[in-house]
Amino acid sequence: MSRRGTAEKRTAKSDPIFRNRLVNMVVSRIMKDGKKSLAYQILYRAVKKIQQKTETNPLLNLRQAIHRVTPSD
């Protein structure tokens, strides 16, 4: 029997520009060696290119892309 209590679940915080938790989760996956600012730059640059090419909301495209690659139960 453990003496420690159970750890509380923490929710992911939202990113500073889009105020979206999904963006923050993607940045955490991109991040290498703790370079979060570089991961944000990479993602924001990619989102900007998506917006210029498709002229639609890039967050909807990001959400749709992640939904397509996640396994269905």
PDB file of N, CA and C in Angstrom:
ATOM      1  N   MET A   1       0.837  -1.173   0.000  1.00  0.00           N
ATOM      2  CA  MET A   1       0.000   0.000   0.000  1.00  0.00           C
ATOM      3  C   MET A   1       0.888   1.244   0.000  1.00  0.00           C
ATOM      4  N   SER A   2       0.606   2.146  -0.890  1.00  0.00           N
ATOM      5  CA  SER A   2       1.434   3.331  -1.051  1.00  0.00           C
ATOM      6  C   SER A   2       1.068   4.396  -0.023  1.00  0.00           C
ATOM      7  N   ARG A   3       2.062   5.121   0.404  1.00  0.00           N
ATOM      8  CA  ARG A   3       1.805   6.217   1.334  1.00  0.00           C
ATOM      9  C   ARG A   3       1.467   7.501   0.612  1.00  0.00           C
ATOM     10  N   ARG A   4       1.880   7.575  -0.637  1.00  0.00           N
ATOM     11  CA  ARG A   4       1.594   8.792  -1.415  1.00  0.00           C
ATOM     12  C   ARG A   4       0.159   8.774  -1.893  1.00  0.00           C
ATOM     13  N   GLY A   5      -0.370   9.946  -2.042  1.00  0.00           N
ATOM     14  CA  GLY A   5      -1.702  10.069  -2.614  1.00  0.00           C
ATOM     15  C   GLY A   5      -1.632   9.930  -4.120  1.00  0.00           C
ATOM     16  N   THR A   6      -2.779   9.810  -4.735  1.00  0.00           N
ATOM     17  CA  THR A   6      -2.795   9.701  -6.188  1.00  0.00           C
ATOM     18  C   THR A   6      -2.549  11.073  -6.796  1.00  0.00           C
ATOM     19  N   ALA A   7      -1.878  11.075  -7.924  1.00  0.00           N
ATOM     20  CA  ALA A   7      -1.560  12.330  -8.602  1.00  0.00           C
ATOM     21  C   ALA A   7      -2.808  12.890  -9.263  1.00  0.00           C
ATOM     22  N   GLU A   8      -2.977  14.199  -9.166  1.00  0.00           N
ATOM     23  CA  GLU A   8      -4.131  14.844  -9.786  1.00  0.00           C
ATOM     24  C   GLU A   8      -3.877  15.024 -11.273  1.00  0.00           C
ATOM     25  N   LYS A   9      -4.921  14.840 -12.065  1.00  0.00           N
ATOM     26  CA  LYS A   9      -4.815  15.054 -13.507  1.00  0.00           C
ATOM     27  C   LYS A   9      -4.718  16.537 -13.770  1.00  0.00           C
ATOM     28  N   ARG A  10      -3.764  16.919 -14.627  1.00  0.00           N
ATOM     29  CA  ARG A  10      -3.617  18.311 -15.007  1.00  0.00           C
ATOM     30  C   ARG A  10      -4.098  18.485 -16.435  1.00  0.00           C
ATOM     31  N   THR A  11      -4.771  19.577 -16.699  1.00  0.00           N
ATOM     32  CA  THR A  11      -5.210  19.857 -18.056  1.00  0.00           C
ATOM     33  C   THR A  11      -4.124  20.655 -18.771  1.00  0.00           C
ATOM     34  N   ALA A  12      -4.046  20.453 -20.070  1.00  0.00           N
ATOM     35  CA  ALA A  12      -3.048  21.168 -20.861  1.00  0.00           C
ATOM     36  C   ALA A  12      -3.428  22.642 -20.947  1.00  0.00           C
ATOM     37  N   LYS A  13      -2.445  23.496 -20.801  1.00  0.00           N
ATOM     38  CA  LYS A  13      -2.696  24.931 -20.899  1.00  0.00           C
ATOM     39  C   LYS A  13      -2.797  25.329 -22.366  1.00  0.00           C
ATOM     40  N   SER A  14      -3.423  26.464 -22.614  1.00  0.00           N
ATOM     41  CA  SER A  14      -3.572  26.927 -23.988  1.00  0.00           C
ATOM     42  C   SER A  14      -2.358  27.763 -24.400  1.00  0.00           C
ATOM     43  N   ASP A  15      -2.130  27.825 -25.702  1.00  0.00           N
ATOM     44  CA  ASP A  15      -0.964  28.566 -26.194  1.00  0.00           C
ATOM     45  C   ASP A  15      -1.247  30.068 -26.183  1.00  0.00           C
ATOM     46  N   PRO A  16      -0.208  30.916 -26.235  1.00  0.00           N
ATOM     47  CA  PRO A  16      -0.416  32.359 -26.094  1.00  0.00           C
ATOM     48  C   PRO A  16      -1.096  33.046 -27.275  1.00  0.00           C
ATOM     49  N   ILE A  17      -0.979  32.535 -28.489  1.00  0.00           N
ATOM     50  CA  ILE A  17      -1.527  33.236 -29.649  1.00  0.00           C
ATOM     51  C   ILE A  17      -2.938  32.759 -29.997  1.00  0.00           C
ATOM     52  N   PHE A  18      -3.100  31.449 -30.185  1.00  0.00           N
ATOM     53  CA  PHE A  18      -4.390  30.929 -30.624  1.00  0.00           C
ATOM     54  C   PHE A  18      -5.328  30.587 -29.471  1.00  0.00           C
ATOM     55  N   ARG A  19      -4.812  30.541 -28.249  1.00  0.00           N
ATOM     56  CA  ARG A  19      -5.609  30.180 -27.074  1.00  0.00           C
ATOM     57  C   ARG A  19      -6.272  28.812 -27.261  1.00  0.00           C
ATOM     58  N   ASN A  20      -5.461  27.852 -27.719  1.00  0.00           N
ATOM     59  CA  ASN A  20      -5.974  26.537 -28.039  1.00  0.00           C
ATOM     60  C   ASN A  20      -5.088  25.490 -27.367  1.00  0.00           C
ATOM     61  N   ARG A  21      -5.709  24.537 -26.676  1.00  0.00           N
ATOM     62  CA  ARG A  21      -4.941  23.494 -26.000  1.00  0.00           C
ATOM     63  C   ARG A  21      -4.320  22.520 -26.994  1.00  0.00           C
ATOM     64  N   LEU A  22      -4.989  22.295 -28.116  1.00  0.00           N
ATOM     65  CA  LEU A  22      -4.469  21.375 -29.120  1.00  0.00           C
ATOM     66  C   LEU A  22      -3.130  21.861 -29.668  1.00  0.00           C
ATOM     67  N   VAL A  23      -3.018  23.154 -29.884  1.00  0.00           N
ATOM     68  CA  VAL A  23      -1.765  23.731 -30.381  1.00  0.00           C
ATOM     69  C   VAL A  23      -0.655  23.498 -29.363  1.00  0.00           C
ATOM     70  N   ASN A  24      -0.961  23.676 -28.102  1.00  0.00           N
ATOM     71  CA  ASN A  24       0.035  23.467 -27.056  1.00  0.00           C
ATOM     72  C   ASN A  24       0.452  22.000 -26.984  1.00  0.00           C
ATOM     73  N   MET A  25      -0.478  21.094 -27.197  1.00  0.00           N
ATOM     74  CA  MET A  25      -0.148  19.678 -27.181  1.00  0.00           C
ATOM     75  C   MET A  25       0.752  19.318 -28.367  1.00  0.00           C
ATOM     76  N   VAL A  26       0.491  19.901 -29.532  1.00  0.00           N
ATOM     77  CA  VAL A  26       1.331  19.646 -30.704  1.00  0.00           C
ATOM     78  C   VAL A  26       2.722  20.220 -30.484  1.00  0.00           C
ATOM     79  N   VAL A  27       2.811  21.390 -29.877  1.00  0.00           N
ATOM     80  CA  VAL A  27       4.113  22.002 -29.586  1.00  0.00           C
ATOM     81  C   VAL A  27       4.904  21.111 -28.639  1.00  0.00           C
ATOM     82  N   SER A  28       4.239  20.511 -27.678  1.00  0.00           N
ATOM     83  CA  SER A  28       4.929  19.619 -26.752  1.00  0.00           C
ATOM     84  C   SER A  28       5.486  18.399 -27.468  1.00  0.00           C
ATOM     85  N   ARG A  29       4.806  17.939 -28.506  1.00  0.00           N
ATOM     86  CA  ARG A  29       5.290  16.791 -29.283  1.00  0.00           C
ATOM     87  C   ARG A  29       6.449  17.189 -30.204  1.00  0.00           C
ATOM     88  N   ILE A  30       6.424  18.411 -30.712  1.00  0.00           N
ATOM     89  CA  ILE A  30       7.483  18.888 -31.609  1.00  0.00           C
ATOM     90  C   ILE A  30       8.761  19.187 -30.822  1.00  0.00           C
ATOM     91  N   MET A  31       8.600  19.632 -29.578  1.00  0.00           N
ATOM     92  CA  MET A  31       9.714  20.126 -28.777  1.00  0.00           C
ATOM     93  C   MET A  31      10.826  19.093 -28.637  1.00  0.00           C
ATOM     94  N   LYS A  32      12.055  19.564 -28.808  1.00  0.00           N
ATOM     95  CA  LYS A  32      13.221  18.706 -28.673  1.00  0.00           C
ATOM     96  C   LYS A  32      14.222  19.388 -27.752  1.00  0.00           C
ATOM     97  N   ASP A  33      14.708  18.677 -26.782  1.00  0.00           N
ATOM     98  CA  ASP A  33      15.693  19.190 -25.814  1.00  0.00           C
ATOM     99  C   ASP A  33      15.175  20.413 -25.059  1.00  0.00           C
ATOM    100  N   GLY A  34      13.885  20.494 -24.823  1.00  0.00           N
ATOM    101  CA  GLY A  34      13.317  21.583 -24.034  1.00  0.00           C
ATOM    102  C   GLY A  34      13.220  22.912 -24.750  1.00  0.00           C
ATOM    103  N   LYS A  35      13.386  22.935 -26.060  1.00  0.00           N
ATOM    104  CA  LYS A  35      13.348  24.185 -26.836  1.00  0.00           C
ATOM    105  C   LYS A  35      11.911  24.494 -27.245  1.00  0.00           C
ATOM    106  N   LYS A  36      11.127  24.960 -26.301  1.00  0.00           N
ATOM    107  CA  LYS A  36       9.709  25.206 -26.568  1.00  0.00           C
ATOM    108  C   LYS A  36       9.504  26.406 -27.480  1.00  0.00           C
ATOM    109  N   SER A  37      10.312  27.434 -27.345  1.00  0.00           N
ATOM    110  CA  SER A  37      10.148  28.618 -28.197  1.00  0.00           C
ATOM    111  C   SER A  37      10.414  28.271 -29.663  1.00  0.00           C
ATOM    112  N   LEU A  38      11.387  27.403 -29.915  1.00  0.00           N
ATOM    113  CA  LEU A  38      11.665  26.964 -31.281  1.00  0.00           C
ATOM    114  C   LEU A  38      10.500  26.129 -31.822  1.00  0.00           C
ATOM    115  N   ALA A  39       9.928  25.291 -30.979  1.00  0.00           N
ATOM    116  CA  ALA A  39       8.781  24.482 -31.407  1.00  0.00           C
ATOM    117  C   ALA A  39       7.588  25.375 -31.746  1.00  0.00           C
ATOM    118  N   TYR A  40       7.369  26.429 -30.953  1.00  0.00           N
ATOM    119  CA  TYR A  40       6.298  27.383 -31.269  1.00  0.00           C
ATOM    120  C   TYR A  40       6.568  28.069 -32.611  1.00  0.00           C
ATOM    121  N   GLN A  41       7.812  28.467 -32.860  1.00  0.00           N
ATOM    122  CA  GLN A  41       8.147  29.118 -34.129  1.00  0.00           C
ATOM    123  C   GLN A  41       7.871  28.199 -35.308  1.00  0.00           C
ATOM    124  N   ILE A  42       8.244  26.932 -35.183  1.00  0.00           N
ATOM    125  CA  ILE A  42       8.022  25.964 -36.260  1.00  0.00           C
ATOM    126  C   ILE A  42       6.532  25.806 -36.523  1.00  0.00           C
ATOM    127  N   LEU A  43       5.758  25.640 -35.474  1.00  0.00           N
ATOM    128  CA  LEU A  43       4.320  25.428 -35.642  1.00  0.00           C
ATOM    129  C   LEU A  43       3.632  26.677 -36.192  1.00  0.00           C
ATOM    130  N   TYR A  44       3.962  27.846 -35.673  1.00  0.00           N
ATOM    131  CA  TYR A  44       3.316  29.070 -36.146  1.00  0.00           C
ATOM    132  C   TYR A  44       3.668  29.356 -37.607  1.00  0.00           C
ATOM    133  N   ARG A  45       4.894  29.047 -38.002  1.00  0.00           N
ATOM    134  CA  ARG A  45       5.281  29.223 -39.402  1.00  0.00           C
ATOM    135  C   ARG A  45       4.490  28.274 -40.298  1.00  0.00           C
ATOM    136  N   ALA A  46       4.319  27.035 -39.851  1.00  0.00           N
ATOM    137  CA  ALA A  46       3.546  26.059 -40.627  1.00  0.00           C
ATOM    138  C   ALA A  46       2.083  26.470 -40.715  1.00  0.00           C
ATOM    139  N   VAL A  47       1.525  26.957 -39.623  1.00  0.00           N
ATOM    140  CA  VAL A  47       0.126  27.393 -39.609  1.00  0.00           C
ATOM    141  C   VAL A  47      -0.072  28.589 -40.532  1.00  0.00           C
ATOM    142  N   LYS A  48       0.900  29.485 -40.563  1.00  0.00           N
ATOM    143  CA  LYS A  48       0.819  30.660 -41.437  1.00  0.00           C
ATOM    144  C   LYS A  48       0.821  30.242 -42.902  1.00  0.00           C
ATOM    145  N   LYS A  49       1.667  29.259 -43.248  1.00  0.00           N
ATOM    146  CA  LYS A  49       1.703  28.765 -44.624  1.00  0.00           C
ATOM    147  C   LYS A  49       0.397  28.083 -44.999  1.00  0.00           C
ATOM    148  N   ILE A  50      -0.172  27.330 -44.075  1.00  0.00           N
ATOM    149  CA  ILE A  50      -1.461  26.670 -44.332  1.00  0.00           C
ATOM    150  C   ILE A  50      -2.534  27.718 -44.588  1.00  0.00           C
ATOM    151  N   GLN A  51      -2.534  28.769 -43.791  1.00  0.00           N
ATOM    152  CA  GLN A  51      -3.542  29.814 -43.949  1.00  0.00           C
ATOM    153  C   GLN A  51      -3.386  30.536 -45.289  1.00  0.00           C
ATOM    154  N   GLN A  52      -2.163  30.759 -45.724  1.00  0.00           N
ATOM    155  CA  GLN A  52      -1.939  31.436 -46.995  1.00  0.00           C
ATOM    156  C   GLN A  52      -2.360  30.570 -48.168  1.00  0.00           C
ATOM    157  N   LYS A  53      -2.108  29.257 -48.092  1.00  0.00           N
ATOM    158  CA  LYS A  53      -2.424  28.382 -49.214  1.00  0.00           C
ATOM    159  C   LYS A  53      -3.911  28.056 -49.301  1.00  0.00           C
ATOM    160  N   THR A  54      -4.541  27.788 -48.163  1.00  0.00           N
ATOM    161  CA  THR A  54      -5.932  27.340 -48.190  1.00  0.00           C
ATOM    162  C   THR A  54      -6.923  28.468 -47.969  1.00  0.00           C
ATOM    163  N   GLU A  55      -6.472  29.563 -47.379  1.00  0.00           N
ATOM    164  CA  GLU A  55      -7.331  30.709 -47.058  1.00  0.00           C
ATOM    165  C   GLU A  55      -8.522  30.313 -46.187  1.00  0.00           C
ATOM    166  N   THR A  56      -8.304  29.343 -45.308  1.00  0.00           N
ATOM    167  CA  THR A  56      -9.311  28.947 -44.329  1.00  0.00           C
ATOM    168  C   THR A  56      -8.683  28.996 -42.945  1.00  0.00           C
ATOM    169  N   ASN A  57      -9.470  28.667 -41.947  1.00  0.00           N
ATOM    170  CA  ASN A  57      -8.976  28.661 -40.579  1.00  0.00           C
ATOM    171  C   ASN A  57      -7.963  27.523 -40.412  1.00  0.00           C
ATOM    172  N   PRO A  58      -6.708  27.829 -40.095  1.00  0.00           N
ATOM    173  CA  PRO A  58      -5.696  26.776 -40.000  1.00  0.00           C
ATOM    174  C   PRO A  58      -5.916  25.836 -38.818  1.00  0.00           C
ATOM    175  N   LEU A  59      -6.568  26.314 -37.766  1.00  0.00           N
ATOM    176  CA  LEU A  59      -6.801  25.447 -36.618  1.00  0.00           C
ATOM    177  C   LEU A  59      -7.792  24.335 -36.948  1.00  0.00           C
ATOM    178  N   LEU A  60      -8.755  24.638 -37.807  1.00  0.00           N
ATOM    179  CA  LEU A  60      -9.678  23.592 -38.241  1.00  0.00           C
ATOM    180  C   LEU A  60      -8.941  22.539 -39.048  1.00  0.00           C
ATOM    181  N   ASN A  61      -8.026  22.963 -39.900  1.00  0.00           N
ATOM    182  CA  ASN A  61      -7.230  22.019 -40.681  1.00  0.00           C
ATOM    183  C   ASN A  61      -6.339  21.180 -39.777  1.00  0.00           C
ATOM    184  N   LEU A  62      -5.754  21.800 -38.753  1.00  0.00           N
ATOM    185  CA  LEU A  62      -4.905  21.075 -37.813  1.00  0.00           C
ATOM    186  C   LEU A  62      -5.717  20.035 -37.055  1.00  0.00           C
ATOM    187  N   ARG A  63      -6.873  20.435 -36.570  1.00  0.00           N
ATOM    188  CA  ARG A  63      -7.740  19.518 -35.829  1.00  0.00           C
ATOM    189  C   ARG A  63      -8.174  18.353 -36.719  1.00  0.00           C
ATOM    190  N   GLN A  64      -8.510  18.651 -37.963  1.00  0.00           N
ATOM    191  CA  GLN A  64      -8.941  17.622 -38.895  1.00  0.00           C
ATOM    192  C   GLN A  64      -7.789  16.658 -39.210  1.00  0.00           C
ATOM    193  N   ALA A  65      -6.582  17.180 -39.379  1.00  0.00           N
ATOM    194  CA  ALA A  65      -5.425  16.339 -39.665  1.00  0.00           C
ATOM    195  C   ALA A  65      -5.116  15.412 -38.493  1.00  0.00           C
ATOM    196  N   ILE A  66      -5.196  15.934 -37.286  1.00  0.00           N
ATOM    197  CA  ILE A  66      -4.922  15.105 -36.112  1.00  0.00           C
ATOM    198  C   ILE A  66      -6.011  14.055 -35.942  1.00  0.00           C
ATOM    199  N   HIS A  67      -7.241  14.426 -36.226  1.00  0.00           N
ATOM    200  CA  HIS A  67      -8.345  13.467 -36.132  1.00  0.00           C
ATOM    201  C   HIS A  67      -8.169  12.329 -37.133  1.00  0.00           C
ATOM    202  N   ARG A  68      -7.626  12.638 -38.303  1.00  0.00           N
ATOM    203  CA  ARG A  68      -7.434  11.612 -39.326  1.00  0.00           C
ATOM    204  C   ARG A  68      -6.334  10.636 -38.977  1.00  0.00           C
ATOM    205  N   VAL A  69      -5.294  11.092 -38.290  1.00  0.00           N
ATOM    206  CA  VAL A  69      -4.176  10.202 -37.996  1.00  0.00           C
ATOM    207  C   VAL A  69      -4.331   9.442 -36.686  1.00  0.00           C
ATOM    208  N   THR A  70      -5.253   9.840 -35.823  1.00  0.00           N
ATOM    209  CA  THR A  70      -5.443   9.109 -34.582  1.00  0.00           C
ATOM    210  C   THR A  70      -6.208   7.828 -34.846  1.00  0.00           C
ATOM    211  N   PRO A  71      -5.859   6.767 -34.167  1.00  0.00           N
ATOM    212  CA  PRO A  71      -6.563   5.499 -34.381  1.00  0.00           C
ATOM    213  C   PRO A  71      -7.991   5.583 -33.851  1.00  0.00           C
ATOM    214  N   SER A  72      -8.891   4.947 -34.573  1.00  0.00           N
ATOM    215  CA  SER A  72     -10.297   4.938 -34.128  1.00  0.00           C
ATOM    216  C   SER A  72     -10.541   3.702 -33.277  1.00  0.00           C
ATOM    217  N   ASP A  73     -11.355   3.859 -32.267  1.00  0.00           N
ATOM    218  CA  ASP A  73     -11.656   2.738 -31.368  1.00  0.00           C
ATOM    219  C   ASP A  73     -12.842   1.952 -31.842  1.00  0.00           C
TER     220      ASP A  73
END
